[in-house]
Amino acid sequence: MEARRPNDRAWRLESEADCELWFHAEISNVVLAAWNHYPRVTQSSQIKPPRENSISEEVDSMYCVKDGQTETVLTIGEMKRNLIQRMYWQAGNISRSSSQEKLSKELRG
């Protein structure tokens, strides 16, 4: 099945919930449309990632494929806002800001 571009919408990204709504409407729903046959991808929100040992934190979104009893996590997402400081990234010199350098390493990870 061919995925189509969503309708143009105006977005106000002032909270993590706004960012989650944008992501699901503009990114996730479009990508998931391409996965409507096997293997079926399941999306979950505000859920603890599957682990052998229990953790208290929840992630904002998780995408999994289940084959029989085995569930494979494809990706886990955590929404953040106001993390990128544009002046450092556009200048090509994020090393002048330790928070931006740390963010860069996390994004590449």
PDB file of N, CA and C in Angstrom:
ATOM      1  N   MET A   1       0.841  -1.179   0.000  1.00  0.00           N
ATOM      2  CA  MET A   1       0.000   0.000   0.000  1.00  0.00           C
ATOM      3  C   MET A   1       0.885   1.240   0.000  1.00  0.00           C
ATOM      4  N   GLU A   2       0.514   2.188  -0.752  1.00  0.00           N
ATOM      5  CA  GLU A   2       1.279   3.417  -0.865  1.00  0.00           C
ATOM      6  C   GLU A   2       0.851   4.408   0.214  1.00  0.00           C
ATOM      7  N   ALA A   3       1.809   4.999   0.911  1.00  0.00           N
ATOM      8  CA  ALA A   3       1.511   6.014   1.914  1.00  0.00           C
ATOM      9  C   ALA A   3       1.393   7.363   1.225  1.00  0.00           C
ATOM     10  N   ARG A   4       0.498   8.179   1.727  1.00  0.00           N
ATOM     11  CA  ARG A   4       0.274   9.519   1.177  1.00  0.00           C
ATOM     12  C   ARG A   4       0.632  10.579   2.198  1.00  0.00           C
ATOM     13  N   ARG A   5       1.006  11.716   1.692  1.00  0.00           N
ATOM     14  CA  ARG A   5       1.328  12.853   2.545  1.00  0.00           C
ATOM     15  C   ARG A   5       0.061  13.313   3.279  1.00  0.00           C
ATOM     16  N   PRO A   6       0.160  13.643   4.584  1.00  0.00           N
ATOM     17  CA  PRO A   6      -1.019  14.105   5.314  1.00  0.00           C
ATOM     18  C   PRO A   6      -1.444  15.503   4.869  1.00  0.00           C
ATOM     19  N   ASN A   7      -2.665  15.873   5.206  1.00  0.00           N
ATOM     20  CA  ASN A   7      -3.157  17.213   4.909  1.00  0.00           C
ATOM     21  C   ASN A   7      -2.309  18.245   5.648  1.00  0.00           C
ATOM     22  N   ASP A   8      -2.150  19.414   5.028  1.00  0.00           N
ATOM     23  CA  ASP A   8      -1.402  20.489   5.694  1.00  0.00           C
ATOM     24  C   ASP A   8      -2.174  20.947   6.925  1.00  0.00           C
ATOM     25  N   ARG A   9      -1.457  21.077   8.032  1.00  0.00           N
ATOM     26  CA  ARG A   9      -2.043  21.549   9.288  1.00  0.00           C
ATOM     27  C   ARG A   9      -1.087  22.525   9.929  1.00  0.00           C
ATOM     28  N   ALA A  10      -1.627  23.416  10.718  1.00  0.00           N
ATOM     29  CA  ALA A  10      -0.805  24.325  11.516  1.00  0.00           C
ATOM     30  C   ALA A  10      -0.643  23.695  12.894  1.00  0.00           C
ATOM     31  N   TRP A  11       0.559  23.771  13.422  1.00  0.00           N
ATOM     32  CA  TRP A  11       0.843  23.151  14.720  1.00  0.00           C
ATOM     33  C   TRP A  11       1.415  24.172  15.684  1.00  0.00           C
ATOM     34  N   ARG A  12       1.041  24.064  16.939  1.00  0.00           N
ATOM     35  CA  ARG A  12       1.630  24.847  18.018  1.00  0.00           C
ATOM     36  C   ARG A  12       2.296  23.848  18.953  1.00  0.00           C
ATOM     37  N   LEU A  13       3.609  23.830  18.959  1.00  0.00           N
ATOM     38  CA  LEU A  13       4.361  22.860  19.741  1.00  0.00           C
ATOM     39  C   LEU A  13       4.859  23.505  21.024  1.00  0.00           C
ATOM     40  N   GLU A  14       3.970  23.583  22.007  1.00  0.00           N
ATOM     41  CA  GLU A  14       4.311  24.237  23.271  1.00  0.00           C
ATOM     42  C   GLU A  14       4.426  23.264  24.434  1.00  0.00           C
ATOM     43  N   SER A  15       4.053  22.017  24.227  1.00  0.00           N
ATOM     44  CA  SER A  15       4.139  21.031  25.305  1.00  0.00           C
ATOM     45  C   SER A  15       4.562  19.692  24.712  1.00  0.00           C
ATOM     46  N   GLU A  16       4.944  18.761  25.591  1.00  0.00           N
ATOM     47  CA  GLU A  16       5.292  17.424  25.102  1.00  0.00           C
ATOM     48  C   GLU A  16       4.082  16.766  24.459  1.00  0.00           C
ATOM     49  N   ALA A  17       2.884  17.005  25.002  1.00  0.00           N
ATOM     50  CA  ALA A  17       1.670  16.431  24.417  1.00  0.00           C
ATOM     51  C   ALA A  17       1.448  16.964  23.002  1.00  0.00           C
ATOM     52  N   ASP A  18       1.727  18.252  22.777  1.00  0.00           N
ATOM     53  CA  ASP A  18       1.625  18.816  21.430  1.00  0.00           C
ATOM     54  C   ASP A  18       2.595  18.113  20.488  1.00  0.00           C
ATOM     55  N   CYS A  19       3.810  17.867  20.961  1.00  0.00           N
ATOM     56  CA  CYS A  19       4.827  17.192  20.142  1.00  0.00           C
ATOM     57  C   CYS A  19       4.405  15.764  19.824  1.00  0.00           C
ATOM     58  N   GLU A  20       3.835  15.062  20.803  1.00  0.00           N
ATOM     59  CA  GLU A  20       3.354  13.701  20.565  1.00  0.00           C
ATOM     60  C   GLU A  20       2.248  13.688  19.524  1.00  0.00           C
ATOM     61  N   LEU A  21       1.306  14.615  19.635  1.00  0.00           N
ATOM     62  CA  LEU A  21       0.210  14.689  18.668  1.00  0.00           C
ATOM     63  C   LEU A  21       0.748  14.945  17.265  1.00  0.00           C
ATOM     64  N   TRP A  22       1.676  15.892  17.140  1.00  0.00           N
ATOM     65  CA  TRP A  22       2.288  16.177  15.841  1.00  0.00           C
ATOM     66  C   TRP A  22       2.965  14.933  15.283  1.00  0.00           C
ATOM     67  N   PHE A  23       3.773  14.260  16.122  1.00  0.00           N
ATOM     68  CA  PHE A  23       4.515  13.091  15.666  1.00  0.00           C
ATOM     69  C   PHE A  23       3.568  12.003  15.165  1.00  0.00           C
ATOM     70  N   HIS A  24       2.509  11.728  15.914  1.00  0.00           N
ATOM     71  CA  HIS A  24       1.596  10.665  15.505  1.00  0.00           C
ATOM     72  C   HIS A  24       0.828  11.029  14.238  1.00  0.00           C
ATOM     73  N   ALA A  25       0.426  12.288  14.113  1.00  0.00           N
ATOM     74  CA  ALA A  25      -0.332  12.708  12.934  1.00  0.00           C
ATOM     75  C   ALA A  25       0.535  12.808  11.684  1.00  0.00           C
ATOM     76  N   GLU A  26       1.708  13.373  11.813  1.00  0.00           N
ATOM     77  CA  GLU A  26       2.533  13.683  10.643  1.00  0.00           C
ATOM     78  C   GLU A  26       3.558  12.606  10.291  1.00  0.00           C
ATOM     79  N   ILE A  27       3.996  11.827  11.251  1.00  0.00           N
ATOM     80  CA  ILE A  27       5.047  10.843  11.007  1.00  0.00           C
ATOM     81  C   ILE A  27       4.523   9.421  11.181  1.00  0.00           C
ATOM     82  N   SER A  28       4.132   9.091  12.393  1.00  0.00           N
ATOM     83  CA  SER A  28       3.768   7.719  12.733  1.00  0.00           C
ATOM     84  C   SER A  28       2.629   7.171  11.884  1.00  0.00           C
ATOM     85  N   ASN A  29       1.535   7.891  11.785  1.00  0.00           N
ATOM     86  CA  ASN A  29       0.389   7.383  11.027  1.00  0.00           C
ATOM     87  C   ASN A  29       0.721   7.151   9.558  1.00  0.00           C
ATOM     88  N   VAL A  30       1.551   7.995   8.999  1.00  0.00           N
ATOM     89  CA  VAL A  30       1.941   7.843   7.597  1.00  0.00           C
ATOM     90  C   VAL A  30       2.827   6.606   7.423  1.00  0.00           C
ATOM     91  N   VAL A  31       3.797   6.436   8.310  1.00  0.00           N
ATOM     92  CA  VAL A  31       4.703   5.291   8.217  1.00  0.00           C
ATOM     93  C   VAL A  31       3.962   3.988   8.493  1.00  0.00           C
ATOM     94  N   LEU A  32       3.096   3.978   9.506  1.00  0.00           N
ATOM     95  CA  LEU A  32       2.368   2.750   9.842  1.00  0.00           C
ATOM     96  C   LEU A  32       1.449   2.294   8.716  1.00  0.00           C
ATOM     97  N   ALA A  33       0.970   3.221   7.890  1.00  0.00           N
ATOM     98  CA  ALA A  33       0.118   2.846   6.762  1.00  0.00           C
ATOM     99  C   ALA A  33       0.850   1.913   5.803  1.00  0.00           C
ATOM    100  N   ALA A  34       2.149   2.041   5.727  1.00  0.00           N
ATOM    101  CA  ALA A  34       2.939   1.171   4.857  1.00  0.00           C
ATOM    102  C   ALA A  34       3.141  -0.215   5.473  1.00  0.00           C
ATOM    103  N   TRP A  35       2.818  -0.385   6.741  1.00  0.00           N
ATOM    104  CA  TRP A  35       2.999  -1.647   7.459  1.00  0.00           C
ATOM    105  C   TRP A  35       1.650  -2.271   7.803  1.00  0.00           C
ATOM    106  N   ASN A  36       0.656  -2.138   6.948  1.00  0.00           N
ATOM    107  CA  ASN A  36      -0.668  -2.657   7.294  1.00  0.00           C
ATOM    108  C   ASN A  36      -0.813  -4.151   7.015  1.00  0.00           C
ATOM    109  N   HIS A  37       0.189  -4.788   6.474  1.00  0.00           N
ATOM    110  CA  HIS A  37       0.216  -6.233   6.277  1.00  0.00           C
ATOM    111  C   HIS A  37       1.359  -6.813   7.088  1.00  0.00           C
ATOM    112  N   TYR A  38       1.554  -8.118   7.000  1.00  0.00           N
ATOM    113  CA  TYR A  38       2.593  -8.770   7.780  1.00  0.00           C
ATOM    114  C   TYR A  38       3.959  -8.208   7.431  1.00  0.00           C
ATOM    115  N   PRO A  39       4.828  -7.956   8.332  1.00  0.00           N
ATOM    116  CA  PRO A  39       4.598  -8.081   9.763  1.00  0.00           C
ATOM    117  C   PRO A  39       3.830  -6.869  10.291  1.00  0.00           C
ATOM    118  N   ARG A  40       2.815  -7.114  11.090  1.00  0.00           N
ATOM    119  CA  ARG A  40       1.995  -6.037  11.648  1.00  0.00           C
ATOM    120  C   ARG A  40       2.761  -5.342  12.775  1.00  0.00           C
ATOM    121  N   VAL A  41       2.867  -4.035  12.668  1.00  0.00           N
ATOM    122  CA  VAL A  41       3.551  -3.229  13.671  1.00  0.00           C
ATOM    123  C   VAL A  41       2.501  -2.661  14.623  1.00  0.00           C
ATOM    124  N   THR A  42       2.747  -2.835  15.906  1.00  0.00           N
ATOM    125  CA  THR A  42       1.830  -2.337  16.922  1.00  0.00           C
ATOM    126  C   THR A  42       2.459  -1.149  17.625  1.00  0.00           C
ATOM    127  N   GLN A  43       1.660  -0.102  17.782  1.00  0.00           N
ATOM    128  CA  GLN A  43       2.117   1.103  18.465  1.00  0.00           C
ATOM    129  C   GLN A  43       1.486   1.144  19.851  1.00  0.00           C
ATOM    130  N   SER A  44       2.282   1.481  20.853  1.00  0.00           N
ATOM    131  CA  SER A  44       1.789   1.658  22.219  1.00  0.00           C
ATOM    132  C   SER A  44       2.290   3.003  22.729  1.00  0.00           C
ATOM    133  N   SER A  45       1.501   3.630  23.584  1.00  0.00           N
ATOM    134  CA  SER A  45       1.886   4.920  24.156  1.00  0.00           C
ATOM    135  C   SER A  45       1.868   4.854  25.672  1.00  0.00           C
ATOM    136  N   GLN A  46       2.751   5.638  26.288  1.00  0.00           N
ATOM    137  CA  GLN A  46       2.843   5.719  27.741  1.00  0.00           C
ATOM    138  C   GLN A  46       2.917   4.328  28.363  1.00  0.00           C
ATOM    139  N   ILE A  47       3.955   3.601  27.994  1.00  0.00           N
ATOM    140  CA  ILE A  47       4.089   2.200  28.387  1.00  0.00           C
ATOM    141  C   ILE A  47       5.510   1.929  28.856  1.00  0.00           C
ATOM    142  N   LYS A  48       5.645   0.934  29.718  1.00  0.00           N
ATOM    143  CA  LYS A  48       6.977   0.513  30.146  1.00  0.00           C
ATOM    144  C   LYS A  48       7.558  -0.397  29.074  1.00  0.00           C
ATOM    145  N   PRO A  49       8.806  -0.165  28.686  1.00  0.00           N
ATOM    146  CA  PRO A  49       9.416  -1.046  27.685  1.00  0.00           C
ATOM    147  C   PRO A  49       9.611  -2.444  28.255  1.00  0.00           C
ATOM    148  N   PRO A  50       9.492  -3.479  27.414  1.00  0.00           N
ATOM    149  CA  PRO A  50       9.675  -4.846  27.921  1.00  0.00           C
ATOM    150  C   PRO A  50      11.128  -5.081  28.331  1.00  0.00           C
ATOM    151  N   ARG A  51      11.302  -5.578  29.540  1.00  0.00           N
ATOM    152  CA  ARG A  51      12.641  -5.879  30.060  1.00  0.00           C
ATOM    153  C   ARG A  51      12.525  -7.027  31.033  1.00  0.00           C
ATOM    154  N   GLU A  52      13.629  -7.660  31.255  1.00  0.00           N
ATOM    155  CA  GLU A  52      13.639  -8.740  32.232  1.00  0.00           C
ATOM    156  C   GLU A  52      13.502  -8.196  33.644  1.00  0.00           C
ATOM    157  N   ASN A  53      14.179  -7.081  33.927  1.00  0.00           N
ATOM    158  CA  ASN A  53      14.054  -6.483  35.251  1.00  0.00           C
ATOM    159  C   ASN A  53      13.102  -5.288  35.175  1.00  0.00           C
ATOM    160  N   SER A  54      12.343  -5.089  36.190  1.00  0.00           N
ATOM    161  CA  SER A  54      11.304  -4.058  36.232  1.00  0.00           C
ATOM    162  C   SER A  54      11.917  -2.664  36.344  1.00  0.00           C
ATOM    163  N   ILE A  55      11.372  -1.713  35.597  1.00  0.00           N
ATOM    164  CA  ILE A  55      11.780  -0.313  35.711  1.00  0.00           C
ATOM    165  C   ILE A  55      10.524   0.521  35.909  1.00  0.00           C
ATOM    166  N   SER A  56      10.667   1.660  36.563  1.00  0.00           N
ATOM    167  CA  SER A  56       9.501   2.475  36.888  1.00  0.00           C
ATOM    168  C   SER A  56       9.127   3.463  35.787  1.00  0.00           C
ATOM    169  N   GLU A  57      10.050   3.799  34.890  1.00  0.00           N
ATOM    170  CA  GLU A  57       9.799   4.804  33.867  1.00  0.00           C
ATOM    171  C   GLU A  57       8.960   4.248  32.717  1.00  0.00           C
ATOM    172  N   GLU A  58       8.185   5.140  32.113  1.00  0.00           N
ATOM    173  CA  GLU A  58       7.431   4.801  30.907  1.00  0.00           C
ATOM    174  C   GLU A  58       7.997   5.601  29.746  1.00  0.00           C
ATOM    175  N   VAL A  59       7.831   5.076  28.545  1.00  0.00           N
ATOM    176  CA  VAL A  59       8.251   5.793  27.344  1.00  0.00           C
ATOM    177  C   VAL A  59       7.011   6.375  26.677  1.00  0.00           C
ATOM    178  N   ASP A  60       7.214   7.413  25.866  1.00  0.00           N
ATOM    179  CA  ASP A  60       6.080   8.056  25.207  1.00  0.00           C
ATOM    180  C   ASP A  60       5.477   7.183  24.115  1.00  0.00           C
ATOM    181  N   SER A  61       6.312   6.479  23.375  1.00  0.00           N
ATOM    182  CA  SER A  61       5.776   5.605  22.331  1.00  0.00           C
ATOM    183  C   SER A  61       6.730   4.442  22.079  1.00  0.00           C
ATOM    184  N   MET A  62       6.137   3.319  21.686  1.00  0.00           N
ATOM    185  CA  MET A  62       6.918   2.125  21.401  1.00  0.00           C
ATOM    186  C   MET A  62       6.251   1.404  20.232  1.00  0.00           C
ATOM    187  N   TYR A  63       7.068   0.904  19.309  1.00  0.00           N
ATOM    188  CA  TYR A  63       6.583   0.171  18.145  1.00  0.00           C
ATOM    189  C   TYR A  63       7.181  -1.224  18.179  1.00  0.00           C
ATOM    190  N   CYS A  64       6.319  -2.241  18.064  1.00  0.00           N
ATOM    191  CA  CYS A  64       6.757  -3.632  18.187  1.00  0.00           C
ATOM    192  C   CYS A  64       6.180  -4.486  17.069  1.00  0.00           C
ATOM    193  N   VAL A  65       6.850  -5.601  16.825  1.00  0.00           N
ATOM    194  CA  VAL A  65       6.357  -6.657  15.945  1.00  0.00           C
ATOM    195  C   VAL A  65       6.262  -7.904  16.804  1.00  0.00           C
ATOM    196  N   LYS A  66       5.114  -8.581  16.744  1.00  0.00           N
ATOM    197  CA  LYS A  66       4.934  -9.794  17.532  1.00  0.00           C
ATOM    198  C   LYS A  66       4.825 -10.984  16.596  1.00  0.00           C
ATOM    199  N   ASP A  67       5.645 -11.990  16.842  1.00  0.00           N
ATOM    200  CA  ASP A  67       5.648 -13.226  16.068  1.00  0.00           C
ATOM    201  C   ASP A  67       5.400 -14.366  17.043  1.00  0.00           C
ATOM    202  N   GLY A  68       4.150 -14.819  17.116  1.00  0.00           N
ATOM    203  CA  GLY A  68       3.810 -15.847  18.098  1.00  0.00           C
ATOM    204  C   GLY A  68       3.904 -15.265  19.492  1.00  0.00           C
ATOM    205  N   GLN A  69       4.760 -15.837  20.320  1.00  0.00           N
ATOM    206  CA  GLN A  69       4.946 -15.353  21.691  1.00  0.00           C
ATOM    207  C   GLN A  69       6.087 -14.341  21.816  1.00  0.00           C
ATOM    208  N   THR A  70       6.850 -14.177  20.746  1.00  0.00           N
ATOM    209  CA  THR A  70       8.020 -13.301  20.788  1.00  0.00           C
ATOM    210  C   THR A  70       7.652 -11.901  20.311  1.00  0.00           C
ATOM    211  N   GLU A  71       7.934 -10.904  21.146  1.00  0.00           N
ATOM    212  CA  GLU A  71       7.702  -9.512  20.775  1.00  0.00           C
ATOM    213  C   GLU A  71       9.044  -8.834  20.570  1.00  0.00           C
ATOM    214  N   THR A  72       9.223  -8.226  19.417  1.00  0.00           N
ATOM    215  CA  THR A  72      10.461  -7.526  19.094  1.00  0.00           C
ATOM    216  C   THR A  72      10.188  -6.035  19.048  1.00  0.00           C
ATOM    217  N   VAL A  73      10.920  -5.283  19.835  1.00  0.00           N
ATOM    218  CA  VAL A  73      10.776  -3.835  19.849  1.00  0.00           C
ATOM    219  C   VAL A  73      11.537  -3.252  18.667  1.00  0.00           C
ATOM    220  N   LEU A  74      10.848  -2.472  17.848  1.00  0.00           N
ATOM    221  CA  LEU A  74      11.487  -1.821  16.705  1.00  0.00           C
ATOM    222  C   LEU A  74      12.089  -0.485  17.109  1.00  0.00           C
ATOM    223  N   THR A  75      11.326   0.291  17.859  1.00  0.00           N
ATOM    224  CA  THR A  75      11.817   1.599  18.285  1.00  0.00           C
ATOM    225  C   THR A  75      11.051   2.061  19.513  1.00  0.00           C
ATOM    226  N   ILE A  76      11.721   2.858  20.306  1.00  0.00           N
ATOM    227  CA  ILE A  76      11.128   3.469  21.485  1.00  0.00           C
ATOM    228  C   ILE A  76      11.385   4.961  21.380  1.00  0.00           C
ATOM    229  N   GLY A  77      10.369   5.760  21.683  1.00  0.00           N
ATOM    230  CA  GLY A  77      10.521   7.209  21.564  1.00  0.00           C
ATOM    231  C   GLY A  77      10.143   7.939  22.837  1.00  0.00           C
ATOM    232  N   GLU A  78      10.871   8.986  23.099  1.00  0.00           N
ATOM    233  CA  GLU A  78      10.607   9.850  24.247  1.00  0.00           C
ATOM    234  C   GLU A  78      10.610  11.285  23.729  1.00  0.00           C
ATOM    235  N   MET A  79       9.498  11.976  23.859  1.00  0.00           N
ATOM    236  CA  MET A  79       9.383  13.343  23.341  1.00  0.00           C
ATOM    237  C   MET A  79      10.066  14.328  24.281  1.00  0.00           C
ATOM    238  N   LYS A  80      10.768  15.246  23.698  1.00  0.00           N
ATOM    239  CA  LYS A  80      11.401  16.333  24.437  1.00  0.00           C
ATOM    240  C   LYS A  80      11.146  17.607  23.664  1.00  0.00           C
ATOM    241  N   ARG A  81      11.231  18.728  24.341  1.00  0.00           N
ATOM    242  CA  ARG A  81      11.043  19.993  23.635  1.00  0.00           C
ATOM    243  C   ARG A  81      12.097  20.999  24.069  1.00  0.00           C
ATOM    244  N   ASN A  82      12.369  21.911  23.184  1.00  0.00           N
ATOM    245  CA  ASN A  82      13.317  22.999  23.438  1.00  0.00           C
ATOM    246  C   ASN A  82      14.711  22.507  23.796  1.00  0.00           C
ATOM    247  N   LEU A  83      15.144  21.427  23.180  1.00  0.00           N
ATOM    248  CA  LEU A  83      16.480  20.908  23.455  1.00  0.00           C
ATOM    249  C   LEU A  83      17.529  21.458  22.500  1.00  0.00           C
ATOM    250  N   ILE A  84      17.131  21.716  21.270  1.00  0.00           N
ATOM    251  CA  ILE A  84      18.099  22.167  20.263  1.00  0.00           C
ATOM    252  C   ILE A  84      18.252  23.679  20.345  1.00  0.00           C
ATOM    253  N   GLN A  85      19.481  24.115  20.535  1.00  0.00           N
ATOM    254  CA  GLN A  85      19.784  25.543  20.535  1.00  0.00           C
ATOM    255  C   GLN A  85      20.288  25.893  19.140  1.00  0.00           C
ATOM    256  N   ARG A  86      19.406  26.494  18.369  1.00  0.00           N
ATOM    257  CA  ARG A  86      19.627  26.714  16.943  1.00  0.00           C
ATOM    258  C   ARG A  86      20.947  27.416  16.621  1.00  0.00           C
ATOM    259  N   MET A  87      21.340  28.403  17.406  1.00  0.00           N
ATOM    260  CA  MET A  87      22.549  29.166  17.054  1.00  0.00           C
ATOM    261  C   MET A  87      23.791  28.281  17.011  1.00  0.00           C
ATOM    262  N   TYR A  88      23.890  27.293  17.914  1.00  0.00           N
ATOM    263  CA  TYR A  88      25.053  26.404  17.908  1.00  0.00           C
ATOM    264  C   TYR A  88      25.021  25.456  16.712  1.00  0.00           C
ATOM    265  N   TRP A  89      23.845  24.888  16.423  1.00  0.00           N
ATOM    266  CA  TRP A  89      23.730  23.917  15.336  1.00  0.00           C
ATOM    267  C   TRP A  89      23.918  24.588  13.980  1.00  0.00           C
ATOM    268  N   GLN A  90      23.349  25.760  13.789  1.00  0.00           N
ATOM    269  CA  GLN A  90      23.478  26.444  12.500  1.00  0.00           C
ATOM    270  C   GLN A  90      24.886  26.977  12.292  1.00  0.00           C
ATOM    271  N   ALA A  91      25.562  27.292  13.379  1.00  0.00           N
ATOM    272  CA  ALA A  91      26.942  27.756  13.262  1.00  0.00           C
ATOM    273  C   ALA A  91      27.898  26.585  13.053  1.00  0.00           C
ATOM    274  N   GLY A  92      27.392  25.358  13.247  1.00  0.00           N
ATOM    275  CA  GLY A  92      28.238  24.177  13.066  1.00  0.00           C
ATOM    276  C   GLY A  92      29.253  23.999  14.175  1.00  0.00           C
ATOM    277  N   ASN A  93      28.935  24.530  15.352  1.00  0.00           N
ATOM    278  CA  ASN A  93      29.891  24.462  16.454  1.00  0.00           C
ATOM    279  C   ASN A  93      29.175  24.109  17.755  1.00  0.00           C
ATOM    280  N   ILE A  94      28.666  22.877  17.833  1.00  0.00           N
ATOM    281  CA  ILE A  94      27.949  22.464  19.036  1.00  0.00           C
ATOM    282  C   ILE A  94      28.897  22.179  20.195  1.00  0.00           C
ATOM    283  N   SER A  95      30.188  22.064  19.919  1.00  0.00           N
ATOM    284  CA  SER A  95      31.149  21.765  20.990  1.00  0.00           C
ATOM    285  C   SER A  95      31.275  22.928  21.974  1.00  0.00           C
ATOM    286  N   ARG A  96      30.750  24.079  21.649  1.00  0.00           N
ATOM    287  CA  ARG A  96      30.798  25.224  22.563  1.00  0.00           C
ATOM    288  C   ARG A  96      29.728  25.123  23.644  1.00  0.00           C
ATOM    289  N   SER A  97      28.825  24.163  23.499  1.00  0.00           N
ATOM    290  CA  SER A  97      27.766  23.962  24.486  1.00  0.00           C
ATOM    291  C   SER A  97      27.756  22.492  24.894  1.00  0.00           C
ATOM    292  N   SER A  98      28.027  22.217  26.169  1.00  0.00           N
ATOM    293  CA  SER A  98      28.103  20.823  26.608  1.00  0.00           C
ATOM    294  C   SER A  98      26.754  20.120  26.465  1.00  0.00           C
ATOM    295  N   SER A  99      25.632  20.840  26.677  1.00  0.00           N
ATOM    296  CA  SER A  99      24.324  20.197  26.545  1.00  0.00           C
ATOM    297  C   SER A  99      24.047  19.823  25.095  1.00  0.00           C
ATOM    298  N   GLN A 100      24.492  20.652  24.144  1.00  0.00           N
ATOM    299  CA  GLN A 100      24.266  20.359  22.737  1.00  0.00           C
ATOM    300  C   GLN A 100      25.172  19.242  22.246  1.00  0.00           C
ATOM    301  N   GLU A 101      26.374  19.182  22.768  1.00  0.00           N
ATOM    302  CA  GLU A 101      27.286  18.097  22.407  1.00  0.00           C
ATOM    303  C   GLU A 101      26.740  16.766  22.934  1.00  0.00           C
ATOM    304  N   LYS A 102      26.206  16.777  24.153  1.00  0.00           N
ATOM    305  CA  LYS A 102      25.608  15.574  24.734  1.00  0.00           C
ATOM    306  C   LYS A 102      24.384  15.137  23.928  1.00  0.00           C
ATOM    307  N   LEU A 103      23.542  16.100  23.532  1.00  0.00           N
ATOM    308  CA  LEU A 103      22.371  15.804  22.717  1.00  0.00           C
ATOM    309  C   LEU A 103      22.783  15.193  21.381  1.00  0.00           C
ATOM    310  N   SER A 104      23.825  15.739  20.762  1.00  0.00           N
ATOM    311  CA  SER A 104      24.312  15.210  19.493  1.00  0.00           C
ATOM    312  C   SER A 104      24.731  13.764  19.613  1.00  0.00           C
ATOM    313  N   LYS A 105      25.455  13.433  20.680  1.00  0.00           N
ATOM    314  CA  LYS A 105      25.881  12.050  20.892  1.00  0.00           C
ATOM    315  C   LYS A 105      24.686  11.135  21.123  1.00  0.00           C
ATOM    316  N   GLU A 106      23.685  11.625  21.857  1.00  0.00           N
ATOM    317  CA  GLU A 106      22.493  10.825  22.104  1.00  0.00           C
ATOM    318  C   GLU A 106      21.714  10.576  20.813  1.00  0.00           C
ATOM    319  N   LEU A 107      21.602  11.598  19.972  1.00  0.00           N
ATOM    320  CA  LEU A 107      20.891  11.444  18.702  1.00  0.00           C
ATOM    321  C   LEU A 107      21.597  10.458  17.775  1.00  0.00           C
ATOM    322  N   ARG A 108      22.927  10.469  17.773  1.00  0.00           N
ATOM    323  CA  ARG A 108      23.681   9.547  16.934  1.00  0.00           C
ATOM    324  C   ARG A 108      23.633   8.132  17.479  1.00  0.00           C
ATOM    325  N   GLY A 109      23.450   7.990  18.810  1.00  0.00           N
ATOM    326  CA  GLY A 109      23.412   6.678  19.455  1.00  0.00           C
ATOM    327  C   GLY A 109      22.219   5.903  19.037  1.00  0.00           C
TER     328      GLY A 109
END
